[in-house]
Amino acid sequence: MHIPVKHLHGHETKREVLLRFLVVLAIFLAYFAYVAHRFGVGHGIWITLLTWSFFVLCTPIADAGFLLDFPIRVVTGIRMVKSEAIVWLIAIAINVFTLLTNPGLYEKTIILSVFYHILTNPVPYWLIILLSFAGTFLSIYFGDELLDVVYHHERAKYLLHRDKYKLIAFVIIFFLTLVIYKYFLDEFGIHLF
């Protein structure tokens, strides 16, 4: 369903989605400005893309992918679930290219060094990517539903599954926190058990 731009601000649920997009876009652009200033524009572009791909591949919500999903949905009407698959392929391609040509870029920030560790140690860290995949596509499913409805009371699918969705998101975030916490403890040689 193609969404005319004039309708984005006229309906409560669409305003929420538009606001979320604008906030994520502002954060993305501010981060790019910071890393471009710190590392130069050339490295800044790649560091921003790698950081974006970290949030695509390693977080269970679709905010990073939403930077592409939402405009694609508005302009073409393609459901965000489909465009998110393309987003994931782009994120994977960016990392394969960087790992093969300039892996030193992963040492530029703490997030990227953790991401490098995740990418280069499939067991057990690719479990983070698999869990993020599940959480991302679940959140995109509900994001599409928000754009399909006009009024808040029509959000039946979201409201019906809201508690299950929150529980799944909590479990994923809790697990990710434990895995990353364990990684840092191991890196510093601290063993609790």
Protein backbone atom coordinates (compact mmCIF):
# COMPACT_ATOMS: atom_id res chain seq x y z
CA MET A 1 0.00 0.00 0.00
CA HIS A 2 1.55 3.28 -1.15
CA ILE A 3 1.31 6.00 1.49
CA PRO A 4 0.93 9.56 0.21
CA VAL A 5 3.31 11.84 2.09
CA LYS A 6 0.45 14.21 2.96
CA HIS A 7 -1.21 11.37 4.91
CA LEU A 8 1.85 10.77 7.11
CA HIS A 9 1.09 13.68 9.39
CA GLY A 10 -2.70 13.41 9.28
CA HIS A 11 -3.16 10.19 11.25
CA GLU A 12 -2.01 9.41 14.77
CA THR A 13 -0.31 6.09 14.04
CA LYS A 14 1.42 7.39 10.92
CA ARG A 15 2.65 10.45 12.85
CA GLU A 16 4.23 8.09 15.40
CA VAL A 17 6.05 6.21 12.64
CA LEU A 18 7.18 9.42 10.92
CA LEU A 19 8.46 10.85 14.20
CA ARG A 20 10.38 7.65 14.92
CA PHE A 21 11.95 7.82 11.46
CA LEU A 22 12.98 11.46 11.91
CA VAL A 23 14.55 10.73 15.31
CA VAL A 24 16.53 7.77 13.94
CA LEU A 25 17.62 9.84 10.92
CA ALA A 26 18.76 12.70 13.17
CA ILE A 27 20.81 10.30 15.32
CA PHE A 28 22.35 8.72 12.21
CA LEU A 29 23.32 12.10 10.74
CA ALA A 30 24.69 13.39 14.05
CA TYR A 31 26.79 10.24 14.44
CA PHE A 32 28.10 10.62 10.89
CA ALA A 33 29.01 14.26 11.56
CA TYR A 34 30.89 13.21 14.70
CA VAL A 35 32.89 10.36 13.14
CA ALA A 36 33.56 12.34 9.95
CA HIS A 37 34.98 15.14 12.09
CA ARG A 38 37.04 12.72 14.20
CA PHE A 39 38.29 10.31 11.50
CA GLY A 40 37.83 12.26 8.25
CA VAL A 41 34.98 11.99 5.77
CA GLY A 42 36.29 8.87 4.00
CA HIS A 43 36.67 6.82 7.15
CA GLY A 44 33.61 8.53 8.63
CA ILE A 45 31.38 7.15 5.89
CA TRP A 46 32.64 3.59 6.41
CA ILE A 47 32.57 3.81 10.21
CA THR A 48 29.00 5.11 10.04
CA LEU A 49 27.98 2.33 7.64
CA LEU A 50 29.66 -0.32 9.81
CA THR A 51 28.01 1.06 12.94
CA TRP A 52 24.67 1.11 11.12
CA SER A 53 25.23 -2.50 10.08
CA PHE A 54 26.02 -3.41 13.70
CA PHE A 55 22.62 -2.08 14.75
CA VAL A 56 20.96 -3.89 11.83
CA LEU A 57 22.59 -7.24 12.57
CA CYS A 58 23.04 -7.20 16.33
CA THR A 59 20.01 -5.52 17.85
CA PRO A 60 16.56 -7.10 18.00
CA ILE A 61 14.71 -4.00 16.82
CA ALA A 62 14.55 -2.57 13.34
CA ASP A 63 15.54 1.04 14.02
CA ALA A 64 18.73 1.00 11.92
CA GLY A 65 17.06 -0.78 9.01
CA PHE A 66 14.11 1.55 9.41
CA LEU A 67 16.25 4.28 7.80
CA LEU A 68 15.72 2.47 4.50
CA ASP A 69 12.53 0.50 5.20
CA PHE A 70 10.32 3.49 5.91
CA PRO A 71 11.18 5.62 2.85
CA ILE A 72 10.93 2.54 0.61
CA ARG A 73 7.48 1.81 2.06
CA VAL A 74 6.31 5.40 1.60
CA VAL A 75 7.61 5.78 -1.97
CA THR A 76 6.97 2.32 -3.41
CA GLY A 77 4.44 0.71 -1.09
CA ILE A 78 6.69 -2.34 -0.64
CA ARG A 79 6.08 -3.80 2.80
CA MET A 80 8.90 -3.21 5.26
CA VAL A 81 9.23 -6.95 5.93
CA LYS A 82 10.42 -7.36 2.33
CA SER A 83 12.70 -4.33 2.31
CA GLU A 84 14.26 -5.42 5.63
CA ALA A 85 15.55 -8.55 3.89
CA ILE A 86 17.37 -6.25 1.45
CA VAL A 87 18.64 -4.15 4.38
CA TRP A 88 20.13 -7.27 5.96
CA LEU A 89 21.82 -8.24 2.68
CA ILE A 90 23.30 -4.74 2.40
CA ALA A 91 24.55 -4.86 6.00
CA ILE A 92 26.12 -8.28 5.42
CA ALA A 93 27.74 -7.11 2.15
CA ILE A 94 29.21 -4.02 3.84
CA ASN A 95 30.83 -6.24 6.47
CA VAL A 96 32.12 -8.89 4.07
CA PHE A 97 33.70 -6.15 1.96
CA THR A 98 35.24 -4.43 4.99
CA LEU A 99 36.51 -7.67 6.52
CA LEU A 100 38.23 -8.52 3.23
CA THR A 101 39.61 -5.08 2.39
CA ASN A 102 40.07 -3.02 5.56
CA PRO A 103 39.42 -4.90 8.82
CA GLY A 104 41.34 -2.22 10.73
CA LEU A 105 38.24 0.00 10.55
CA TYR A 106 36.67 -2.19 13.23
CA GLU A 107 39.30 -0.92 15.69
CA LYS A 108 38.15 2.70 15.40
CA THR A 109 35.34 2.52 17.99
CA ILE A 110 34.39 0.30 20.91
CA ILE A 111 31.14 -0.75 19.25
CA LEU A 112 32.96 -1.78 16.09
CA SER A 113 35.61 -3.72 18.01
CA VAL A 114 32.85 -5.67 19.78
CA PHE A 115 31.14 -6.15 16.41
CA TYR A 116 34.40 -7.45 14.90
CA HIS A 117 34.64 -9.95 17.72
CA ILE A 118 31.04 -11.07 17.07
CA LEU A 119 31.64 -11.42 13.33
CA THR A 120 34.91 -13.32 13.63
CA ASN A 121 33.76 -15.71 16.38
CA PRO A 122 30.67 -17.49 15.05
CA VAL A 123 30.29 -19.72 18.09
CA PRO A 124 28.58 -18.52 20.25
CA TYR A 125 28.32 -14.91 19.07
CA TRP A 126 26.41 -15.46 15.84
CA LEU A 127 23.55 -16.44 18.12
CA ILE A 128 23.26 -12.69 18.77
CA ILE A 129 22.73 -12.17 15.04
CA LEU A 130 20.15 -14.97 14.84
CA LEU A 131 18.20 -13.62 17.81
CA SER A 132 18.41 -10.12 16.39
CA PHE A 133 17.08 -11.42 13.08
CA ALA A 134 14.02 -12.85 14.83
CA GLY A 135 13.40 -9.72 16.90
CA THR A 136 13.94 -7.39 13.97
CA PHE A 137 11.46 -9.12 11.70
CA LEU A 138 8.93 -9.31 14.50
CA SER A 139 9.22 -5.56 15.10
CA ILE A 140 9.01 -4.86 11.35
CA TYR A 141 5.85 -6.96 11.18
CA PHE A 142 4.23 -4.66 13.72
CA GLY A 143 5.69 -1.57 12.04
CA ASP A 144 4.01 -2.53 8.78
CA GLU A 145 0.77 -3.00 10.68
CA LEU A 146 1.04 0.52 12.09
CA LEU A 147 1.32 1.97 8.60
CA ASP A 148 -1.64 -0.09 7.37
CA VAL A 149 -4.10 1.39 9.85
CA VAL A 150 -5.51 4.88 9.94
CA TYR A 151 -6.72 5.23 13.52
CA HIS A 152 -5.29 4.17 16.83
CA HIS A 153 -8.25 1.88 17.64
CA GLU A 154 -7.56 -0.10 14.44
CA ARG A 155 -4.26 -1.41 15.83
CA ALA A 156 -5.92 -4.69 16.79
CA LYS A 157 -3.07 -6.94 15.66
CA TYR A 158 -0.54 -4.93 17.64
CA LEU A 159 -2.73 -4.69 20.71
CA LEU A 160 -3.53 -8.41 20.55
CA HIS A 161 0.14 -9.40 20.55
CA ARG A 162 1.63 -6.50 22.52
CA ASP A 163 2.39 -8.45 25.71
CA LYS A 164 3.91 -11.39 23.82
CA TYR A 165 5.99 -8.99 21.76
CA LYS A 166 7.26 -7.16 24.84
CA LEU A 167 8.18 -10.46 26.53
CA ILE A 168 10.09 -11.68 23.47
CA ALA A 169 11.90 -8.35 23.16
CA PHE A 170 12.79 -8.39 26.86
CA VAL A 171 14.18 -11.94 26.67
CA ILE A 172 16.26 -11.08 23.60
CA ILE A 173 17.64 -7.89 25.12
CA PHE A 174 18.37 -9.68 28.41
CA PHE A 175 20.21 -12.47 26.56
CA LEU A 176 22.21 -10.00 24.48
CA THR A 177 23.18 -8.12 27.60
CA LEU A 178 24.41 -11.32 29.25
CA VAL A 179 26.42 -12.36 26.20
CA ILE A 180 28.08 -8.98 25.82
CA TYR A 181 28.70 -8.77 29.57
CA LYS A 182 30.33 -12.22 29.49
CA TYR A 183 32.46 -11.13 26.55
CA PHE A 184 33.80 -8.13 28.43
CA LEU A 185 34.43 -10.18 31.58
CA ASP A 186 36.37 -12.74 29.55
CA GLU A 187 38.33 -10.00 27.79
CA PHE A 188 39.40 -8.56 31.15
CA GLY A 189 40.19 -12.00 32.57
CA ILE A 190 37.44 -11.90 35.20
CA HIS A 191 35.83 -15.27 35.92
CA LEU A 192 32.83 -15.32 38.24
CA PHE A 193 32.39 -19.10 38.30
